[in-house]
Amino acid sequence: MMGVQISAMLDMPGRGMSVGGRTVGAMANFAVRLVHGPNWDQGRPIREQDGWDEHAAFMDGLVEDGFIILGGPVGDGEQTLHAVEAAGEDEIRTRLALDPWASAGLLRVGSIERWALWLDGRGLDGRGLDGRG
């Protein structure tokens, strides 16, 4: 199925997933902004911050789990924006609190907003987000 069709399916009444023999509603999408915490070293680039490898592995795991749909730094890099699929804000805060950078004071949740993703062109032309096939 193509990305646009998946987005349309999520808005269809009665769509959901089966859990333990009963149907539950589809997860919601959220726009999550992460901002630098008090221990962020402004003199070092992102990949040179303490604990980068652990943070990157943690975030990769969230992508593999389907929790993070897409994301990355925005603007001048002071914030990151992530499209997240979750049951609600509590799940988002709980999962992101497990990030090694959260406990180290390098990163914190800036904002969480519900996001109706109506358009999704990924996969329509066979290319991934990096523009390659």
Foldseek 3Di string as FASTA:
>chain_A
DFPLVVLVQLPDPPDADDDPNDGDHFFFKKKWKKFFFPPADPVDDQCPTPPNVQLVVLVVVCVVVQQWVDKDADDPRRMMITIGTHNDDVVVQVSVCPRPCNVVRGMDIDDMGTDSPNDDRACVVPAHPVRHD
